[in-house]
Amino acid sequence: MNKTELTSAIAAKAGLTKVDAKKALDATIAAITEALKGGDKVALIGFGTFAVAKREARQGINPQTKQVIKIAAKKQAKFKAGAELDAAIQ
């Protein structure tokens, strides 16, 4: 499912127009993004938790040249599914 299909599904389930559903989805994504940028985590009870994980700098190997390379430290978005979501997809 892509963003357009998700917008259509939200509109159908919530009784909204597709325009309003797209605005709601965009606002939700923006709010989650801003919270993660600020270092917060977003917990949606029953659905899951969005958080930021820090990955330390490490060494890797270039598979083509077999040279050792340095991989920089970075922050990465993580999602952990909640119990209700896990149960729903089993």
PDB file of N, CA and C in Angstrom:
ATOM      1  N   MET A   1       0.858  -1.179   0.000  1.00  0.00           N
ATOM      2  CA  MET A   1       0.000   0.000   0.000  1.00  0.00           C
ATOM      3  C   MET A   1       0.899   1.236   0.000  1.00  0.00           C
ATOM      4  N   ASN A   2       0.619   2.143  -0.916  1.00  0.00           N
ATOM      5  CA  ASN A   2       1.386   3.389  -0.952  1.00  0.00           C
ATOM      6  C   ASN A   2       0.584   4.509  -0.275  1.00  0.00           C
ATOM      7  N   LYS A   3       1.138   5.720  -0.285  1.00  0.00           N
ATOM      8  CA  LYS A   3       0.506   6.830   0.423  1.00  0.00           C
ATOM      9  C   LYS A   3      -0.867   7.176  -0.156  1.00  0.00           C
ATOM     10  N   THR A   4      -1.018   7.119  -1.465  1.00  0.00           N
ATOM     11  CA  THR A   4      -2.306   7.417  -2.093  1.00  0.00           C
ATOM     12  C   THR A   4      -3.356   6.401  -1.689  1.00  0.00           C
ATOM     13  N   GLU A   5      -2.980   5.128  -1.694  1.00  0.00           N
ATOM     14  CA  GLU A   5      -3.920   4.078  -1.286  1.00  0.00           C
ATOM     15  C   GLU A   5      -4.263   4.199   0.191  1.00  0.00           C
ATOM     16  N   LEU A   6      -3.289   4.556   1.019  1.00  0.00           N
ATOM     17  CA  LEU A   6      -3.550   4.752   2.443  1.00  0.00           C
ATOM     18  C   LEU A   6      -4.494   5.927   2.659  1.00  0.00           C
ATOM     19  N   THR A   7      -4.293   7.001   1.924  1.00  0.00           N
ATOM     20  CA  THR A   7      -5.188   8.164   2.018  1.00  0.00           C
ATOM     21  C   THR A   7      -6.612   7.770   1.657  1.00  0.00           C
ATOM     22  N   SER A   8      -6.782   6.995   0.613  1.00  0.00           N
ATOM     23  CA  SER A   8      -8.113   6.545   0.205  1.00  0.00           C
ATOM     24  C   SER A   8      -8.751   5.668   1.277  1.00  0.00           C
ATOM     25  N   ALA A   9      -7.964   4.786   1.881  1.00  0.00           N
ATOM     26  CA  ALA A   9      -8.482   3.911   2.931  1.00  0.00           C
ATOM     27  C   ALA A   9      -8.894   4.712   4.162  1.00  0.00           C
ATOM     28  N   ILE A  10      -8.108   5.714   4.526  1.00  0.00           N
ATOM     29  CA  ILE A  10      -8.449   6.573   5.668  1.00  0.00           C
ATOM     30  C   ILE A  10      -9.738   7.322   5.376  1.00  0.00           C
ATOM     31  N   ALA A  11      -9.856   7.861   4.169  1.00  0.00           N
ATOM     32  CA  ALA A  11     -11.061   8.606   3.788  1.00  0.00           C
ATOM     33  C   ALA A  11     -12.293   7.716   3.875  1.00  0.00           C
ATOM     34  N   ALA A  12     -12.192   6.492   3.405  1.00  0.00           N
ATOM     35  CA  ALA A  12     -13.336   5.574   3.420  1.00  0.00           C
ATOM     36  C   ALA A  12     -13.727   5.182   4.843  1.00  0.00           C
ATOM     37  N   LYS A  13     -12.731   4.872   5.679  1.00  0.00           N
ATOM     38  CA  LYS A  13     -13.027   4.416   7.042  1.00  0.00           C
ATOM     39  C   LYS A  13     -13.515   5.536   7.950  1.00  0.00           C
ATOM     40  N   ALA A  14     -13.005   6.755   7.725  1.00  0.00           N
ATOM     41  CA  ALA A  14     -13.358   7.871   8.603  1.00  0.00           C
ATOM     42  C   ALA A  14     -14.491   8.726   8.053  1.00  0.00           C
ATOM     43  N   GLY A  15     -14.937   8.431   6.850  1.00  0.00           N
ATOM     44  CA  GLY A  15     -16.010   9.234   6.255  1.00  0.00           C
ATOM     45  C   GLY A  15     -15.547  10.637   5.894  1.00  0.00           C
ATOM     46  N   LEU A  16     -14.291  10.755   5.490  1.00  0.00           N
ATOM     47  CA  LEU A  16     -13.731  12.044   5.105  1.00  0.00           C
ATOM     48  C   LEU A  16     -13.555  12.104   3.599  1.00  0.00           C
ATOM     49  N   THR A  17     -13.332  13.313   3.106  1.00  0.00           N
ATOM     50  CA  THR A  17     -12.948  13.426   1.705  1.00  0.00           C
ATOM     51  C   THR A  17     -11.479  13.022   1.595  1.00  0.00           C
ATOM     52  N   LYS A  18     -11.051  12.690   0.386  1.00  0.00           N
ATOM     53  CA  LYS A  18      -9.650  12.312   0.193  1.00  0.00           C
ATOM     54  C   LYS A  18      -8.715  13.484   0.506  1.00  0.00           C
ATOM     55  N   VAL A  19      -9.165  14.698   0.226  1.00  0.00           N
ATOM     56  CA  VAL A  19      -8.360  15.888   0.510  1.00  0.00           C
ATOM     57  C   VAL A  19      -8.147  16.029   2.015  1.00  0.00           C
ATOM     58  N   ASP A  20      -9.240  15.867   2.789  1.00  0.00           N
ATOM     59  CA  ASP A  20      -9.125  15.969   4.248  1.00  0.00           C
ATOM     60  C   ASP A  20      -8.301  14.827   4.820  1.00  0.00           C
ATOM     61  N   ALA A  21      -8.460  13.639   4.268  1.00  0.00           N
ATOM     62  CA  ALA A  21      -7.681  12.486   4.743  1.00  0.00           C
ATOM     63  C   ALA A  21      -6.198  12.702   4.453  1.00  0.00           C
ATOM     64  N   LYS A  22      -5.866  13.264   3.293  1.00  0.00           N
ATOM     65  CA  LYS A  22      -4.467  13.533   2.957  1.00  0.00           C
ATOM     66  C   LYS A  22      -3.885  14.571   3.900  1.00  0.00           C
ATOM     67  N   LYS A  23      -4.671  15.612   4.218  1.00  0.00           N
ATOM     68  CA  LYS A  23      -4.201  16.627   5.163  1.00  0.00           C
ATOM     69  C   LYS A  23      -3.943  16.000   6.535  1.00  0.00           C
ATOM     70  N   ALA A  24      -4.847  15.129   6.972  1.00  0.00           N
ATOM     71  CA  ALA A  24      -4.688  14.479   8.275  1.00  0.00           C
ATOM     72  C   ALA A  24      -3.455  13.572   8.288  1.00  0.00           C
ATOM     73  N   LEU A  25      -3.262  12.811   7.236  1.00  0.00           N
ATOM     74  CA  LEU A  25      -2.104  11.925   7.154  1.00  0.00           C
ATOM     75  C   LEU A  25      -0.811  12.728   7.108  1.00  0.00           C
ATOM     76  N   ASP A  26      -0.772  13.780   6.307  1.00  0.00           N
ATOM     77  CA  ASP A  26       0.426  14.627   6.223  1.00  0.00           C
ATOM     78  C   ASP A  26       0.729  15.274   7.572  1.00  0.00           C
ATOM     79  N   ALA A  27      -0.303  15.724   8.276  1.00  0.00           N
ATOM     80  CA  ALA A  27      -0.108  16.343   9.589  1.00  0.00           C
ATOM     81  C   ALA A  27       0.408  15.323  10.598  1.00  0.00           C
ATOM     82  N   THR A  28      -0.097  14.099  10.530  1.00  0.00           N
ATOM     83  CA  THR A  28       0.362  13.038  11.436  1.00  0.00           C
ATOM     84  C   THR A  28       1.834  12.728  11.187  1.00  0.00           C
ATOM     85  N   ILE A  29       2.199  12.565   9.924  1.00  0.00           N
ATOM     86  CA  ILE A  29       3.593  12.274   9.578  1.00  0.00           C
ATOM     87  C   ILE A  29       4.500  13.421  10.013  1.00  0.00           C
ATOM     88  N   ALA A  30       4.068  14.651   9.801  1.00  0.00           N
ATOM     89  CA  ALA A  30       4.872  15.816  10.192  1.00  0.00           C
ATOM     90  C   ALA A  30       5.041  15.877  11.708  1.00  0.00           C
ATOM     91  N   ALA A  31       3.987  15.587  12.458  1.00  0.00           N
ATOM     92  CA  ALA A  31       4.070  15.625  13.920  1.00  0.00           C
ATOM     93  C   ALA A  31       5.016  14.550  14.447  1.00  0.00           C
ATOM     94  N   ILE A  32       4.948  13.356  13.881  1.00  0.00           N
ATOM     95  CA  ILE A  32       5.851  12.273  14.300  1.00  0.00           C
ATOM     96  C   ILE A  32       7.292  12.640  13.948  1.00  0.00           C
ATOM     97  N   THR A  33       7.512  13.178  12.759  1.00  0.00           N
ATOM     98  CA  THR A  33       8.852  13.575  12.324  1.00  0.00           C
ATOM     99  C   THR A  33       9.434  14.635  13.246  1.00  0.00           C
ATOM    100  N   GLU A  34       8.650  15.644  13.580  1.00  0.00           N
ATOM    101  CA  GLU A  34       9.129  16.718  14.456  1.00  0.00           C
ATOM    102  C   GLU A  34       9.466  16.180  15.844  1.00  0.00           C
ATOM    103  N   ALA A  35       8.642  15.277  16.364  1.00  0.00           N
ATOM    104  CA  ALA A  35       8.913  14.698  17.678  1.00  0.00           C
ATOM    105  C   ALA A  35      10.224  13.910  17.658  1.00  0.00           C
ATOM    106  N   LEU A  36      10.442  13.130  16.609  1.00  0.00           N
ATOM    107  CA  LEU A  36      11.674  12.354  16.504  1.00  0.00           C
ATOM    108  C   LEU A  36      12.893  13.259  16.335  1.00  0.00           C
ATOM    109  N   LYS A  37      12.747  14.342  15.570  1.00  0.00           N
ATOM    110  CA  LYS A  37      13.847  15.298  15.420  1.00  0.00           C
ATOM    111  C   LYS A  37      14.224  15.906  16.759  1.00  0.00           C
ATOM    112  N   GLY A  38      13.226  16.124  17.600  1.00  0.00           N
ATOM    113  CA  GLY A  38      13.451  16.713  18.914  1.00  0.00           C
ATOM    114  C   GLY A  38      13.955  15.723  19.945  1.00  0.00           C
ATOM    115  N   GLY A  39      14.130  14.477  19.566  1.00  0.00           N
ATOM    116  CA  GLY A  39      14.644  13.478  20.489  1.00  0.00           C
ATOM    117  C   GLY A  39      13.581  12.744  21.277  1.00  0.00           C
ATOM    118  N   ASP A  40      12.319  13.041  21.029  1.00  0.00           N
ATOM    119  CA  ASP A  40      11.230  12.362  21.728  1.00  0.00           C
ATOM    120  C   ASP A  40      10.907  11.041  21.053  1.00  0.00           C
ATOM    121  N   LYS A  41      10.145  10.210  21.751  1.00  0.00           N
ATOM    122  CA  LYS A  41       9.597   9.033  21.097  1.00  0.00           C
ATOM    123  C   LYS A  41       8.088   9.188  21.067  1.00  0.00           C
ATOM    124  N   VAL A  42       7.458   8.550  20.102  1.00  0.00           N
ATOM    125  CA  VAL A  42       6.013   8.638  19.928  1.00  0.00           C
ATOM    126  C   VAL A  42       5.438   7.249  20.157  1.00  0.00           C
ATOM    127  N   ALA A  43       4.620   7.119  21.207  1.00  0.00           N
ATOM    128  CA  ALA A  43       4.015   5.831  21.543  1.00  0.00           C
ATOM    129  C   ALA A  43       2.521   5.896  21.252  1.00  0.00           C
ATOM    130  N   LEU A  44       2.066   5.048  20.359  1.00  0.00           N
ATOM    131  CA  LEU A  44       0.647   4.937  20.043  1.00  0.00           C
ATOM    132  C   LEU A  44       0.196   3.597  20.627  1.00  0.00           C
ATOM    133  N   ILE A  45      -0.462   3.662  21.776  1.00  0.00           N
ATOM    134  CA  ILE A  45      -0.832   2.464  22.521  1.00  0.00           C
ATOM    135  C   ILE A  45      -1.602   1.504  21.621  1.00  0.00           C
ATOM    136  N   GLY A  46      -1.153   0.257  21.594  1.00  0.00           N
ATOM    137  CA  GLY A  46      -1.789  -0.768  20.783  1.00  0.00           C
ATOM    138  C   GLY A  46      -1.246  -0.847  19.368  1.00  0.00           C
ATOM    139  N   PHE A  47      -0.661   0.234  18.879  1.00  0.00           N
ATOM    140  CA  PHE A  47      -0.123   0.236  17.521  1.00  0.00           C
ATOM    141  C   PHE A  47       1.386   0.037  17.541  1.00  0.00           C
ATOM    142  N   GLY A  48       2.094   0.913  18.236  1.00  0.00           N
ATOM    143  CA  GLY A  48       3.542   0.774  18.300  1.00  0.00           C
ATOM    144  C   GLY A  48       4.212   2.055  18.740  1.00  0.00           C
ATOM    145  N   THR A  49       5.550   2.010  18.759  1.00  0.00           N
ATOM    146  CA  THR A  49       6.344   3.131  19.224  1.00  0.00           C
ATOM    147  C   THR A  49       7.393   3.492  18.177  1.00  0.00           C
ATOM    148  N   PHE A  50       7.459   4.778  17.869  1.00  0.00           N
ATOM    149  CA  PHE A  50       8.490   5.322  17.003  1.00  0.00           C
ATOM    150  C   PHE A  50       9.558   5.938  17.906  1.00  0.00           C
ATOM    151  N   ALA A  51      10.826   5.665  17.631  1.00  0.00           N
ATOM    152  CA  ALA A  51      11.914   6.213  18.430  1.00  0.00           C
ATOM    153  C   ALA A  51      13.135   6.414  17.538  1.00  0.00           C
ATOM    154  N   VAL A  52      14.126   7.105  18.086  1.00  0.00           N
ATOM    155  CA  VAL A  52      15.381   7.329  17.378  1.00  0.00           C
ATOM    156  C   VAL A  52      16.462   6.518  18.074  1.00  0.00           C
ATOM    157  N   ALA A  53      17.213   5.750  17.307  1.00  0.00           N
ATOM    158  CA  ALA A  53      18.330   4.968  17.846  1.00  0.00           C
ATOM    159  C   ALA A  53      19.623   5.551  17.291  1.00  0.00           C
ATOM    160  N   LYS A  54      20.642   5.581  18.122  1.00  0.00           N
ATOM    161  CA  LYS A  54      21.949   6.066  17.684  1.00  0.00           C
ATOM    162  C   LYS A  54      22.814   4.872  17.300  1.00  0.00           C
ATOM    163  N   ARG A  55      23.393   4.940  16.130  1.00  0.00           N
ATOM    164  CA  ARG A  55      24.329   3.909  15.680  1.00  0.00           C
ATOM    165  C   ARG A  55      25.731   4.486  15.786  1.00  0.00           C
ATOM    166  N   GLU A  56      26.600   3.786  16.472  1.00  0.00           N
ATOM    167  CA  GLU A  56      27.985   4.228  16.644  1.00  0.00           C
ATOM    168  C   GLU A  56      28.758   4.093  15.330  1.00  0.00           C
ATOM    169  N   ALA A  57      29.837   4.847  15.233  1.00  0.00           N
ATOM    170  CA  ALA A  57      30.733   4.717  14.080  1.00  0.00           C
ATOM    171  C   ALA A  57      31.376   3.333  14.141  1.00  0.00           C
ATOM    172  N   ARG A  58      31.613   2.765  12.969  1.00  0.00           N
ATOM    173  CA  ARG A  58      32.186   1.428  12.945  1.00  0.00           C
ATOM    174  C   ARG A  58      32.978   1.236  11.660  1.00  0.00           C
ATOM    175  N   GLN A  59      33.696   0.130  11.612  1.00  0.00           N
ATOM    176  CA  GLN A  59      34.446  -0.190  10.408  1.00  0.00           C
ATOM    177  C   GLN A  59      33.673  -1.206   9.587  1.00  0.00           C
ATOM    178  N   GLY A  60      33.770  -1.070   8.288  1.00  0.00           N
ATOM    179  CA  GLY A  60      33.141  -2.010   7.375  1.00  0.00           C
ATOM    180  C   GLY A  60      34.127  -2.366   6.283  1.00  0.00           C
ATOM    181  N   ILE A  61      33.699  -3.208   5.375  1.00  0.00           N
ATOM    182  CA  ILE A  61      34.550  -3.616   4.263  1.00  0.00           C
ATOM    183  C   ILE A  61      33.815  -3.360   2.962  1.00  0.00           C
ATOM    184  N   ASN A  62      34.494  -2.684   2.035  1.00  0.00           N
ATOM    185  CA  ASN A  62      33.939  -2.470   0.714  1.00  0.00           C
ATOM    186  C   ASN A  62      33.982  -3.827  -0.005  1.00  0.00           C
ATOM    187  N   PRO A  63      32.817  -4.380  -0.381  1.00  0.00           N
ATOM    188  CA  PRO A  63      32.810  -5.717  -0.976  1.00  0.00           C
ATOM    189  C   PRO A  63      33.501  -5.814  -2.338  1.00  0.00           C
ATOM    190  N   GLN A  64      33.624  -4.694  -3.045  1.00  0.00           N
ATOM    191  CA  GLN A  64      34.275  -4.737  -4.350  1.00  0.00           C
ATOM    192  C   GLN A  64      35.792  -4.696  -4.239  1.00  0.00           C
ATOM    193  N   THR A  65      36.299  -3.818  -3.353  1.00  0.00           N
ATOM    194  CA  THR A  65      37.751  -3.650  -3.259  1.00  0.00           C
ATOM    195  C   THR A  65      38.352  -4.357  -2.051  1.00  0.00           C
ATOM    196  N   LYS A  66      37.529  -4.834  -1.157  1.00  0.00           N
ATOM    197  CA  LYS A  66      37.958  -5.491   0.094  1.00  0.00           C
ATOM    198  C   LYS A  66      38.732  -4.549   1.014  1.00  0.00           C
ATOM    199  N   GLN A  67      38.626  -3.247   0.776  1.00  0.00           N
ATOM    200  CA  GLN A  67      39.286  -2.268   1.629  1.00  0.00           C
ATOM    201  C   GLN A  67      38.437  -1.998   2.856  1.00  0.00           C
ATOM    202  N   VAL A  68      39.113  -1.744   3.973  1.00  0.00           N
ATOM    203  CA  VAL A  68      38.423  -1.365   5.198  1.00  0.00           C
ATOM    204  C   VAL A  68      37.993   0.087   5.063  1.00  0.00           C
ATOM    205  N   ILE A  69      36.716   0.363   5.379  1.00  0.00           N
ATOM    206  CA  ILE A  69      36.201   1.727   5.311  1.00  0.00           C
ATOM    207  C   ILE A  69      35.603   2.089   6.660  1.00  0.00           C
ATOM    208  N   LYS A  70      35.527   3.383   6.922  1.00  0.00           N
ATOM    209  CA  LYS A  70      34.935   3.856   8.161  1.00  0.00           C
ATOM    210  C   LYS A  70      33.490   4.254   7.874  1.00  0.00           C
ATOM    211  N   ILE A  71      32.565   3.709   8.631  1.00  0.00           N
ATOM    212  CA  ILE A  71      31.148   4.050   8.513  1.00  0.00           C
ATOM    213  C   ILE A  71      30.826   5.024   9.634  1.00  0.00           C
ATOM    214  N   ALA A  72      30.327   6.190   9.280  1.00  0.00           N
ATOM    215  CA  ALA A  72      30.073   7.258  10.250  1.00  0.00           C
ATOM    216  C   ALA A  72      28.915   6.909  11.180  1.00  0.00           C
ATOM    217  N   ALA A  73      28.933   7.515  12.358  1.00  0.00           N
ATOM    218  CA  ALA A  73      27.826   7.375  13.303  1.00  0.00           C
ATOM    219  C   ALA A  73      26.605   8.088  12.725  1.00  0.00           C
ATOM    220  N   LYS A  74      25.423   7.584  13.062  1.00  0.00           N
ATOM    221  CA  LYS A  74      24.205   8.245  12.585  1.00  0.00           C
ATOM    222  C   LYS A  74      23.039   7.910  13.491  1.00  0.00           C
ATOM    223  N   LYS A  75      21.990   8.685  13.349  1.00  0.00           N
ATOM    224  CA  LYS A  75      20.738   8.417  14.044  1.00  0.00           C
ATOM    225  C   LYS A  75      19.805   7.727  13.062  1.00  0.00           C
ATOM    226  N   GLN A  76      19.012   6.790  13.567  1.00  0.00           N
ATOM    227  CA  GLN A  76      18.137   6.017  12.694  1.00  0.00           C
ATOM    228  C   GLN A  76      16.763   5.893  13.339  1.00  0.00           C
ATOM    229  N   ALA A  77      15.717   6.090  12.550  1.00  0.00           N
ATOM    230  CA  ALA A  77      14.352   5.924  13.044  1.00  0.00           C
ATOM    231  C   ALA A  77      14.058   4.438  13.227  1.00  0.00           C
ATOM    232  N   LYS A  78      13.397   4.112  14.338  1.00  0.00           N
ATOM    233  CA  LYS A  78      13.030   2.724  14.632  1.00  0.00           C
ATOM    234  C   LYS A  78      11.535   2.669  14.941  1.00  0.00           C
ATOM    235  N   PHE A  79      10.919   1.550  14.625  1.00  0.00           N
ATOM    236  CA  PHE A  79       9.518   1.316  14.965  1.00  0.00           C
ATOM    237  C   PHE A  79       9.406  -0.044  15.624  1.00  0.00           C
ATOM    238  N   LYS A  80       8.737  -0.077  16.779  1.00  0.00           N
ATOM    239  CA  LYS A  80       8.492  -1.343  17.465  1.00  0.00           C
ATOM    240  C   LYS A  80       6.983  -1.525  17.545  1.00  0.00           C
ATOM    241  N   ALA A  81       6.497  -2.589  16.954  1.00  0.00           N
ATOM    242  CA  ALA A  81       5.054  -2.838  16.913  1.00  0.00           C
ATOM    243  C   ALA A  81       4.527  -3.117  18.315  1.00  0.00           C
ATOM    244  N   GLY A  82       3.307  -2.651  18.581  1.00  0.00           N
ATOM    245  CA  GLY A  82       2.644  -2.897  19.851  1.00  0.00           C
ATOM    246  C   GLY A  82       1.993  -4.266  19.874  1.00  0.00           C
ATOM    247  N   ALA A  83       1.547  -4.672  21.066  1.00  0.00           N
ATOM    248  CA  ALA A  83       0.973  -6.009  21.247  1.00  0.00           C
ATOM    249  C   ALA A  83      -0.288  -6.212  20.409  1.00  0.00           C
ATOM    250  N   GLU A  84      -1.150  -5.213  20.335  1.00  0.00           N
ATOM    251  CA  GLU A  84      -2.393  -5.363  19.567  1.00  0.00           C
ATOM    252  C   GLU A  84      -2.109  -5.502  18.071  1.00  0.00           C
ATOM    253  N   LEU A  85      -1.144  -4.739  17.559  1.00  0.00           N
ATOM    254  CA  LEU A  85      -0.773  -4.854  16.144  1.00  0.00           C
ATOM    255  C   LEU A  85      -0.166  -6.222  15.871  1.00  0.00           C
ATOM    256  N   ASP A  86       0.710  -6.681  16.748  1.00  0.00           N
ATOM    257  CA  ASP A  86       1.293  -8.011  16.601  1.00  0.00           C
ATOM    258  C   ASP A  86       0.211  -9.085  16.575  1.00  0.00           C
ATOM    259  N   ALA A  87      -0.740  -8.975  17.483  1.00  0.00           N
ATOM    260  CA  ALA A  87      -1.815  -9.968  17.546  1.00  0.00           C
ATOM    261  C   ALA A  87      -2.698  -9.925  16.303  1.00  0.00           C
ATOM    262  N   ALA A  88      -2.917  -8.743  15.762  1.00  0.00           N
ATOM    263  CA  ALA A  88      -3.793  -8.593  14.607  1.00  0.00           C
ATOM    264  C   ALA A  88      -3.213  -9.214  13.335  1.00  0.00           C
ATOM    265  N   ILE A  89      -1.897  -9.251  13.239  1.00  0.00           N
ATOM    266  CA  ILE A  89      -1.297  -9.785  12.010  1.00  0.00           C
ATOM    267  C   ILE A  89      -0.892 -11.247  12.131  1.00  0.00           C
ATOM    268  N   GLN A  90      -1.121 -11.843  13.247  1.00  0.00           N
ATOM    269  CA  GLN A  90      -0.768 -13.267  13.438  1.00  0.00           C
ATOM    270  C   GLN A  90      -1.762 -14.174  12.783  1.00  0.00           C
TER     271      GLN A  90
END
